[in-house]
Amino acid sequence: MASERIRRAIQRWRDAKIPVVVSMGPVAASGGYWVSTPAQRIFAEPATLTGSIGVFGFMPSFEKTLADFGVTSDGVRTTPLAGQPDLLGGLTPEVEAILQGSVEGIYGRFVGLVGQSRGKSAQEVDSIAQGRVWPGAEGQRIGLVDQMGGLDDALAHAAKLAGVGNGKWYAEYLMEPADPFTSLLESLMPASREQAGAYDVPGLLAARQRMQMVQAVSGLESVLGAQGIQAYCLSCGAAPGTAASRSRRAGTRP
């Protein structure tokens, strides 16, 4: 999502008829190449790592590990998405299909952007994509890079495209200094930043999975940290160790 937002911002400059030239540093792969697609010309060093046109996603579950210890899970679902993602029981086929479709959809978008930028068909891009990384010289050979050169070469070419190559020009580096107040607010709200990044299905499911893991660890710590006989109300809806569960536990008989 961050790469796509940067790409759109660069594309707005292209749409305004402003020349755009990309200079790649030591690494400009995956999201780095994604943001390069609006460029009129791409410069790279011979050892620049680029490409990595691919998408993957993963989500851990522990049903096979638990099965080795004789632990299984069961339940009743009202829909194929109920209770998903399930850390202990695994993902349903429907959820797996949704995740796979999301990955393939983003990959198709990536391939399409590269094809449009480099004048290649989807099949041609796919033959050099699939997550493979190329050094800059190889990237030029297969058409992902236009020219070998560094930042100075890219700046000179941009000046030429702008019609000021023979005149006096200078580079202006646009950087916004960090706002101390904004930085303070962001440091106080880490959860908000994390949720803000979950724009796709895998991200949303991963966030829910992390919540499940935190709840499970909290419950385990409560059980292992107590001494003597314990009795828990499984239908009370409060996690073991919380004030609500302790108050109910006091009046619950095993």
C-alpha atoms as a PDB file:
ATOM      1  CA  MET A   1       0.000   0.000   0.000  1.00  0.00           C
ATOM      2  CA  ALA A   2       2.830   2.429   0.820  1.00  0.00           C
ATOM      3  CA  SER A   3       4.470   1.740  -2.548  1.00  0.00           C
ATOM      4  CA  GLU A   4       1.192   2.264  -4.377  1.00  0.00           C
ATOM      5  CA  ARG A   5       0.618   5.600  -2.653  1.00  0.00           C
ATOM      6  CA  ILE A   6       4.121   6.741  -3.662  1.00  0.00           C
ATOM      7  CA  ARG A   7       3.559   5.514  -7.237  1.00  0.00           C
ATOM      8  CA  ARG A   8       0.307   7.472  -7.515  1.00  0.00           C
ATOM      9  CA  ALA A   9       1.997  10.624  -6.241  1.00  0.00           C
ATOM     10  CA  ILE A  10       4.757  10.244  -8.856  1.00  0.00           C
ATOM     11  CA  GLN A  11       2.185   9.504 -11.549  1.00  0.00           C
ATOM     12  CA  ARG A  12       0.460  12.808 -10.793  1.00  0.00           C
ATOM     13  CA  TRP A  13       3.701  14.580 -11.744  1.00  0.00           C
ATOM     14  CA  ARG A  14       3.817  12.596 -14.995  1.00  0.00           C
ATOM     15  CA  ASP A  15       0.209  13.529 -15.703  1.00  0.00           C
ATOM     16  CA  ALA A  16       1.190  17.174 -15.192  1.00  0.00           C
ATOM     17  CA  LYS A  17       3.775  16.759 -18.014  1.00  0.00           C
ATOM     18  CA  ILE A  18       6.718  16.970 -15.599  1.00  0.00           C
ATOM     19  CA  PRO A  19       9.636  14.671 -16.538  1.00  0.00           C
ATOM     20  CA  VAL A  20      10.248  11.803 -14.125  1.00  0.00           C
ATOM     21  CA  VAL A  21      13.552   9.932 -14.001  1.00  0.00           C
ATOM     22  CA  VAL A  22      14.395   7.223 -11.469  1.00  0.00           C
ATOM     23  CA  SER A  23      17.848   6.597 -10.052  1.00  0.00           C
ATOM     24  CA  MET A  24      18.136   3.296  -8.208  1.00  0.00           C
ATOM     25  CA  GLY A  25      20.446   2.908  -5.228  1.00  0.00           C
ATOM     26  CA  PRO A  26      22.004  -0.363  -4.037  1.00  0.00           C
ATOM     27  CA  VAL A  27      18.579  -2.022  -3.741  1.00  0.00           C
ATOM     28  CA  ALA A  28      15.389  -1.131  -5.607  1.00  0.00           C
ATOM     29  CA  ALA A  29      13.419  -4.348  -5.630  1.00  0.00           C
ATOM     30  CA  SER A  30       9.800  -5.326  -5.001  1.00  0.00           C
ATOM     31  CA  GLY A  31       8.138  -2.152  -3.649  1.00  0.00           C
ATOM     32  CA  GLY A  32      11.203  -0.225  -4.820  1.00  0.00           C
ATOM     33  CA  TYR A  33      10.540  -1.309  -8.388  1.00  0.00           C
ATOM     34  CA  TRP A  34       6.804  -0.734  -7.954  1.00  0.00           C
ATOM     35  CA  VAL A  35       7.422   2.992  -7.348  1.00  0.00           C
ATOM     36  CA  SER A  36       9.729   3.119 -10.395  1.00  0.00           C
ATOM     37  CA  THR A  37       7.010   2.205 -12.883  1.00  0.00           C
ATOM     38  CA  PRO A  38       5.862   5.796 -13.665  1.00  0.00           C
ATOM     39  CA  ALA A  39       9.403   6.816 -14.719  1.00  0.00           C
ATOM     40  CA  GLN A  40      10.302   7.827 -18.256  1.00  0.00           C
ATOM     41  CA  ARG A  41      13.788   6.438 -17.769  1.00  0.00           C
ATOM     42  CA  ILE A  42      15.349   4.225 -15.092  1.00  0.00           C
ATOM     43  CA  PHE A  43      19.032   4.426 -14.160  1.00  0.00           C
ATOM     44  CA  ALA A  44      20.794   1.768 -12.105  1.00  0.00           C
ATOM     45  CA  GLU A  45      24.295   0.781 -11.083  1.00  0.00           C
ATOM     46  CA  PRO A  46      25.696  -2.521 -12.406  1.00  0.00           C
ATOM     47  CA  ALA A  47      25.400  -4.078  -8.921  1.00  0.00           C
ATOM     48  CA  THR A  48      21.973  -2.635  -8.087  1.00  0.00           C
ATOM     49  CA  LEU A  49      19.546  -5.329  -6.962  1.00  0.00           C
ATOM     50  CA  THR A  50      16.226  -4.806  -8.678  1.00  0.00           C
ATOM     51  CA  GLY A  51      13.211  -6.744  -9.896  1.00  0.00           C
ATOM     52  CA  SER A  52      11.690  -8.986  -7.234  1.00  0.00           C
ATOM     53  CA  ILE A  53       8.386  -8.557  -9.044  1.00  0.00           C
ATOM     54  CA  GLY A  54       6.400 -10.913  -6.863  1.00  0.00           C
ATOM     55  CA  VAL A  55       3.940 -11.155  -4.005  1.00  0.00           C
ATOM     56  CA  PHE A  56       3.683 -13.680  -1.193  1.00  0.00           C
ATOM     57  CA  GLY A  57       1.708 -14.068   1.982  1.00  0.00           C
ATOM     58  CA  PHE A  58       1.763 -16.506   4.861  1.00  0.00           C
ATOM     59  CA  MET A  59      -0.225 -17.115   8.001  1.00  0.00           C
ATOM     60  CA  PRO A  60       0.937 -19.583  10.668  1.00  0.00           C
ATOM     61  CA  SER A  61      -1.292 -22.157  12.308  1.00  0.00           C
ATOM     62  CA  PHE A  62      -0.437 -24.994  14.671  1.00  0.00           C
ATOM     63  CA  GLU A  63      -2.916 -27.791  13.998  1.00  0.00           C
ATOM     64  CA  LYS A  64      -0.222 -30.216  12.755  1.00  0.00           C
ATOM     65  CA  THR A  65       2.128 -29.429  15.644  1.00  0.00           C
ATOM     66  CA  LEU A  66      -0.672 -29.909  18.180  1.00  0.00           C
ATOM     67  CA  ALA A  67      -1.736 -33.158  16.488  1.00  0.00           C
ATOM     68  CA  ASP A  68       1.708 -34.574  17.272  1.00  0.00           C
ATOM     69  CA  PHE A  69       0.787 -34.194  20.949  1.00  0.00           C
ATOM     70  CA  GLY A  70      -2.708 -35.621  20.493  1.00  0.00           C
ATOM     71  CA  VAL A  71      -4.414 -32.217  20.674  1.00  0.00           C
ATOM     72  CA  THR A  72      -7.202 -31.502  18.197  1.00  0.00           C
ATOM     73  CA  SER A  73      -9.957 -28.919  17.918  1.00  0.00           C
ATOM     74  CA  ASP A  74     -13.569 -29.053  16.822  1.00  0.00           C
ATOM     75  CA  GLY A  75     -16.588 -26.788  16.671  1.00  0.00           C
ATOM     76  CA  VAL A  76     -19.641 -25.667  14.748  1.00  0.00           C
ATOM     77  CA  ARG A  77     -19.469 -22.830  12.224  1.00  0.00           C
ATOM     78  CA  THR A  78     -22.383 -20.840  10.927  1.00  0.00           C
ATOM     79  CA  THR A  79     -20.320 -19.719   7.906  1.00  0.00           C
ATOM     80  CA  PRO A  80     -16.981 -20.803   6.378  1.00  0.00           C
ATOM     81  CA  LEU A  81     -15.450 -17.559   7.697  1.00  0.00           C
ATOM     82  CA  ALA A  82     -16.630 -17.922  11.293  1.00  0.00           C
ATOM     83  CA  GLY A  83     -13.783 -18.130  13.795  1.00  0.00           C
ATOM     84  CA  GLN A  84     -11.141 -17.464  11.172  1.00  0.00           C
ATOM     85  CA  PRO A  85      -8.206 -17.313  11.231  1.00  0.00           C
ATOM     86  CA  ASP A  86      -7.999 -20.273  13.610  1.00  0.00           C
ATOM     87  CA  LEU A  87      -4.538 -20.594  15.147  1.00  0.00           C
ATOM     88  CA  LEU A  88      -5.212 -24.052  16.549  1.00  0.00           C
ATOM     89  CA  GLY A  89      -7.510 -25.596  13.954  1.00  0.00           C
ATOM     90  CA  GLY A  90      -6.055 -24.132  10.773  1.00  0.00           C
ATOM     91  CA  LEU A  91      -7.667 -22.222   7.949  1.00  0.00           C
ATOM     92  CA  THR A  92     -10.782 -23.333   6.109  1.00  0.00           C
ATOM     93  CA  PRO A  93     -10.479 -23.993   2.348  1.00  0.00           C
ATOM     94  CA  GLU A  94     -12.589 -20.903   1.708  1.00  0.00           C
ATOM     95  CA  VAL A  95     -10.231 -18.644   3.687  1.00  0.00           C
ATOM     96  CA  GLU A  96      -7.213 -20.199   1.980  1.00  0.00           C
ATOM     97  CA  ALA A  97      -8.822 -19.428  -1.385  1.00  0.00           C
ATOM     98  CA  ILE A  98      -9.475 -15.825  -0.352  1.00  0.00           C
ATOM     99  CA  LEU A  99      -5.856 -15.374   0.744  1.00  0.00           C
ATOM    100  CA  GLN A 100      -4.522 -16.965  -2.441  1.00  0.00           C
ATOM    101  CA  GLY A 101      -6.835 -14.817  -4.555  1.00  0.00           C
ATOM    102  CA  SER A 102      -5.621 -11.679  -2.780  1.00  0.00           C
ATOM    103  CA  VAL A 103      -1.975 -12.556  -3.436  1.00  0.00           C
ATOM    104  CA  GLU A 104      -2.635 -13.375  -7.085  1.00  0.00           C
ATOM    105  CA  GLY A 105      -4.649 -10.190  -7.529  1.00  0.00           C
ATOM    106  CA  ILE A 106      -1.818  -7.998  -6.226  1.00  0.00           C
ATOM    107  CA  TYR A 107       0.688  -9.912  -8.357  1.00  0.00           C
ATOM    108  CA  GLY A 108      -1.459  -9.330 -11.436  1.00  0.00           C
ATOM    109  CA  ARG A 109      -1.576  -5.628 -10.605  1.00  0.00           C
ATOM    110  CA  PHE A 110       2.226  -5.566 -10.227  1.00  0.00           C
ATOM    111  CA  VAL A 111       2.772  -7.342 -13.547  1.00  0.00           C
ATOM    112  CA  GLY A 112       0.332  -4.981 -15.252  1.00  0.00           C
ATOM    113  CA  LEU A 113       2.107  -1.867 -13.957  1.00  0.00           C
ATOM    114  CA  VAL A 114       5.495  -3.169 -15.096  1.00  0.00           C
ATOM    115  CA  GLY A 115       4.122  -4.178 -18.481  1.00  0.00           C
ATOM    116  CA  GLN A 116       2.577  -0.759 -19.032  1.00  0.00           C
ATOM    117  CA  SER A 117       5.790   0.974 -17.965  1.00  0.00           C
ATOM    118  CA  ARG A 118       8.210  -1.190 -19.961  1.00  0.00           C
ATOM    119  CA  GLY A 119       6.056  -1.854 -23.030  1.00  0.00           C
ATOM    120  CA  LYS A 120       5.823  -5.588 -22.385  1.00  0.00           C
ATOM    121  CA  SER A 121       2.986  -8.067 -22.354  1.00  0.00           C
ATOM    122  CA  ALA A 122       1.877  -9.731 -19.123  1.00  0.00           C
ATOM    123  CA  GLN A 123       3.452 -12.988 -20.336  1.00  0.00           C
ATOM    124  CA  GLU A 124       6.779 -11.274 -21.009  1.00  0.00           C
ATOM    125  CA  VAL A 125       6.819  -9.656 -17.587  1.00  0.00           C
ATOM    126  CA  ASP A 126       5.827 -12.895 -15.872  1.00  0.00           C
ATOM    127  CA  SER A 127       8.759 -14.683 -17.513  1.00  0.00           C
ATOM    128  CA  ILE A 128      11.212 -12.326 -15.747  1.00  0.00           C
ATOM    129  CA  ALA A 129       9.115 -11.774 -12.605  1.00  0.00           C
ATOM    130  CA  GLN A 130       7.882 -14.415 -10.137  1.00  0.00           C
ATOM    131  CA  GLY A 131       9.907 -12.796  -7.352  1.00  0.00           C
ATOM    132  CA  ARG A 132      13.326 -13.147  -8.995  1.00  0.00           C
ATOM    133  CA  VAL A 133      15.987 -10.538  -8.228  1.00  0.00           C
ATOM    134  CA  TRP A 134      18.355  -9.238 -10.921  1.00  0.00           C
ATOM    135  CA  PRO A 135      21.599  -7.229 -10.707  1.00  0.00           C
ATOM    136  CA  GLY A 136      21.437  -3.919 -12.531  1.00  0.00           C
ATOM    137  CA  ALA A 137      23.327  -5.044 -15.622  1.00  0.00           C
ATOM    138  CA  GLU A 138      21.023  -8.048 -16.021  1.00  0.00           C
ATOM    139  CA  GLY A 139      18.068  -5.780 -15.321  1.00  0.00           C
ATOM    140  CA  GLN A 140      19.088  -3.647 -18.268  1.00  0.00           C
ATOM    141  CA  ARG A 141      19.490  -6.686 -20.491  1.00  0.00           C
ATOM    142  CA  ILE A 142      15.960  -7.922 -19.773  1.00  0.00           C
ATOM    143  CA  GLY A 143      14.406  -4.461 -20.024  1.00  0.00           C
ATOM    144  CA  LEU A 144      13.735  -3.526 -16.415  1.00  0.00           C
ATOM    145  CA  VAL A 145      16.432  -0.800 -16.497  1.00  0.00           C
ATOM    146  CA  ASP A 146      17.120   1.681 -19.286  1.00  0.00           C
ATOM    147  CA  GLN A 147      20.655   2.845 -18.610  1.00  0.00           C
ATOM    148  CA  MET A 148      23.631   2.288 -16.330  1.00  0.00           C
ATOM    149  CA  GLY A 149      24.483   5.330 -14.218  1.00  0.00           C
ATOM    150  CA  GLY A 150      24.174   6.991 -10.854  1.00  0.00           C
ATOM    151  CA  LEU A 151      22.206   9.888  -9.447  1.00  0.00           C
ATOM    152  CA  ASP A 152      24.207  12.526 -11.310  1.00  0.00           C
ATOM    153  CA  ASP A 153      23.486  10.810 -14.622  1.00  0.00           C
ATOM    154  CA  ALA A 154      19.797  10.630 -13.789  1.00  0.00           C
ATOM    155  CA  LEU A 155      19.718  14.328 -12.839  1.00  0.00           C
ATOM    156  CA  ALA A 156      21.432  15.309 -16.095  1.00  0.00           C
ATOM    157  CA  HIS A 157      18.924  13.286 -18.092  1.00  0.00           C
ATOM    158  CA  ALA A 158      16.002  14.850 -16.208  1.00  0.00           C
ATOM    159  CA  ALA A 159      17.398  18.318 -16.977  1.00  0.00           C
ATOM    160  CA  LYS A 160      17.668  17.345 -20.627  1.00  0.00           C
ATOM    161  CA  LEU A 161      14.072  16.150 -20.719  1.00  0.00           C
ATOM    162  CA  ALA A 162      12.997  19.420 -19.085  1.00  0.00           C
ATOM    163  CA  GLY A 163      14.805  21.435 -21.760  1.00  0.00           C
ATOM    164  CA  VAL A 164      17.416  22.971 -19.477  1.00  0.00           C
ATOM    165  CA  GLY A 165      20.263  20.585 -20.133  1.00  0.00           C
ATOM    166  CA  ASN A 166      22.465  23.236 -21.787  1.00  0.00           C
ATOM    167  CA  GLY A 167      21.619  25.978 -19.309  1.00  0.00           C
ATOM    168  CA  LYS A 168      22.373  26.471 -15.658  1.00  0.00           C
ATOM    169  CA  TRP A 169      20.431  24.225 -13.344  1.00  0.00           C
ATOM    170  CA  TYR A 170      20.788  22.740  -9.900  1.00  0.00           C
ATOM    171  CA  ALA A 171      19.191  19.888  -7.980  1.00  0.00           C
ATOM    172  CA  GLU A 172      16.805  20.694  -5.182  1.00  0.00           C
ATOM    173  CA  TYR A 173      16.366  17.882  -2.685  1.00  0.00           C
ATOM    174  CA  LEU A 174      12.838  17.890  -1.300  1.00  0.00           C
ATOM    175  CA  MET A 175      12.652  16.576   2.254  1.00  0.00           C
ATOM    176  CA  GLU A 176      10.230  17.474   4.978  1.00  0.00           C
ATOM    177  CA  PRO A 177      11.754  17.718   8.475  1.00  0.00           C
ATOM    178  CA  ALA A 178      10.095  15.532  11.061  1.00  0.00           C
ATOM    179  CA  ASP A 179       7.401  17.320  13.035  1.00  0.00           C
ATOM    180  CA  PRO A 180       8.246  16.763  16.753  1.00  0.00           C
ATOM    181  CA  PHE A 181       4.590  16.932  17.792  1.00  0.00           C
ATOM    182  CA  THR A 182       3.486  14.410  15.148  1.00  0.00           C
ATOM    183  CA  SER A 183       6.370  12.094  16.041  1.00  0.00           C
ATOM    184  CA  LEU A 184       5.338  12.225  19.697  1.00  0.00           C
ATOM    185  CA  LEU A 185       1.731  11.342  18.881  1.00  0.00           C
ATOM    186  CA  GLU A 186       2.816   8.443  16.680  1.00  0.00           C
ATOM    187  CA  SER A 187       5.062   7.081  19.418  1.00  0.00           C
ATOM    188  CA  LEU A 188       2.116   7.120  21.821  1.00  0.00           C
ATOM    189  CA  MET A 189      -0.213   5.272  19.436  1.00  0.00           C
ATOM    190  CA  PRO A 190       1.630   2.204  18.110  1.00  0.00           C
ATOM    191  CA  ALA A 191      -1.598   0.210  17.807  1.00  0.00           C
ATOM    192  CA  SER A 192      -3.101   2.847  15.528  1.00  0.00           C
ATOM    193  CA  ARG A 193      -0.108   2.705  13.207  1.00  0.00           C
ATOM    194  CA  GLU A 194      -0.323  -1.066  13.054  1.00  0.00           C
ATOM    195  CA  GLN A 195      -4.019  -1.112  12.223  1.00  0.00           C
ATOM    196  CA  ALA A 196      -3.509   1.603   9.622  1.00  0.00           C
ATOM    197  CA  GLY A 197      -1.317  -0.771   7.628  1.00  0.00           C
ATOM    198  CA  ALA A 198      -3.907  -3.564   7.398  1.00  0.00           C
ATOM    199  CA  TYR A 199      -5.533  -2.563   4.109  1.00  0.00           C
ATOM    200  CA  ASP A 200      -5.786  -6.021   2.511  1.00  0.00           C
ATOM    201  CA  VAL A 201      -7.341  -9.342   3.529  1.00  0.00           C
ATOM    202  CA  PRO A 202      -4.069 -10.994   4.684  1.00  0.00           C
ATOM    203  CA  GLY A 203      -3.233  -7.916   6.773  1.00  0.00           C
ATOM    204  CA  LEU A 204      -6.623  -7.855   8.464  1.00  0.00           C
ATOM    205  CA  LEU A 205      -6.526 -11.586   9.199  1.00  0.00           C
ATOM    206  CA  ALA A 206      -2.973 -11.311  10.512  1.00  0.00           C
ATOM    207  CA  ALA A 207      -4.034  -8.518  12.882  1.00  0.00           C
ATOM    208  CA  ARG A 208      -6.869 -10.695  14.201  1.00  0.00           C
ATOM    209  CA  GLN A 209      -4.482 -13.613  14.546  1.00  0.00           C
ATOM    210  CA  ARG A 210      -2.087 -11.518  16.628  1.00  0.00           C
ATOM    211  CA  MET A 211      -4.964 -10.601  18.952  1.00  0.00           C
ATOM    212  CA  GLN A 212      -5.784 -14.290  19.382  1.00  0.00           C
ATOM    213  CA  MET A 213      -2.152 -15.053  20.182  1.00  0.00           C
ATOM    214  CA  VAL A 214      -2.009 -12.285  22.804  1.00  0.00           C
ATOM    215  CA  GLN A 215      -5.193 -13.576  24.449  1.00  0.00           C
ATOM    216  CA  ALA A 216      -3.896 -17.154  24.456  1.00  0.00           C
ATOM    217  CA  VAL A 217      -0.547 -16.159  25.986  1.00  0.00           C
ATOM    218  CA  SER A 218      -2.311 -14.035  28.612  1.00  0.00           C
ATOM    219  CA  GLY A 219      -4.570 -16.920  29.579  1.00  0.00           C
ATOM    220  CA  LEU A 220      -1.647 -19.353  29.744  1.00  0.00           C
ATOM    221  CA  GLU A 221       0.357 -17.021  31.956  1.00  0.00           C
ATOM    222  CA  SER A 222      -2.622 -16.678  34.290  1.00  0.00           C
ATOM    223  CA  VAL A 223      -3.058 -20.440  34.591  1.00  0.00           C
ATOM    224  CA  LEU A 224       0.641 -21.153  35.106  1.00  0.00           C
ATOM    225  CA  GLY A 225       1.074 -18.274  37.519  1.00  0.00           C
ATOM    226  CA  ALA A 226      -1.644 -19.392  39.941  1.00  0.00           C
ATOM    227  CA  GLN A 227      -1.125 -21.909  42.753  1.00  0.00           C
ATOM    228  CA  GLY A 228      -3.431 -24.547  44.144  1.00  0.00           C
ATOM    229  CA  ILE A 229      -6.744 -25.770  42.768  1.00  0.00           C
ATOM    230  CA  GLN A 230      -8.255 -23.558  40.085  1.00  0.00           C
ATOM    231  CA  ALA A 231     -11.797 -23.320  38.775  1.00  0.00           C
ATOM    232  CA  TYR A 232     -12.751 -21.266  35.729  1.00  0.00           C
ATOM    233  CA  CYS A 233     -16.126 -20.313  34.358  1.00  0.00           C
ATOM    234  CA  LEU A 234     -15.797 -21.193  30.668  1.00  0.00           C
ATOM    235  CA  SER A 235     -19.029 -19.424  29.717  1.00  0.00           C
ATOM    236  CA  CYS A 236     -18.381 -16.127  31.528  1.00  0.00           C
ATOM    237  CA  GLY A 237     -16.647 -14.504  28.557  1.00  0.00           C
ATOM    238  CA  ALA A 238     -13.779 -13.053  30.560  1.00  0.00           C
ATOM    239  CA  ALA A 239     -10.169 -14.048  30.092  1.00  0.00           C
ATOM    240  CA  PRO A 240      -8.572 -15.902  33.015  1.00  0.00           C
ATOM    241  CA  GLY A 241      -6.668 -13.559  35.254  1.00  0.00           C
ATOM    242  CA  THR A 242      -8.894 -10.515  34.705  1.00  0.00           C
ATOM    243  CA  ALA A 243     -10.818  -8.860  37.496  1.00  0.00           C
ATOM    244  CA  ALA A 244     -14.112 -10.088  36.047  1.00  0.00           C
ATOM    245  CA  SER A 245     -12.973 -13.695  35.889  1.00  0.00           C
ATOM    246  CA  ARG A 246     -11.539 -13.570  39.423  1.00  0.00           C
ATOM    247  CA  SER A 247     -14.790 -12.230  40.835  1.00  0.00           C
ATOM    248  CA  ARG A 248     -16.797 -14.926  39.089  1.00  0.00           C
ATOM    249  CA  ARG A 249     -14.240 -17.564  40.009  1.00  0.00           C
ATOM    250  CA  ALA A 250     -14.713 -16.777  43.695  1.00  0.00           C
ATOM    251  CA  GLY A 251     -18.353 -17.826  43.493  1.00  0.00           C
ATOM    252  CA  THR A 252     -17.886 -20.781  41.149  1.00  0.00           C
ATOM    253  CA  ARG A 253     -17.664 -24.280  42.519  1.00  0.00           C
ATOM    254  CA  PRO A 254     -15.860 -26.993  40.540  1.00  0.00           C
END
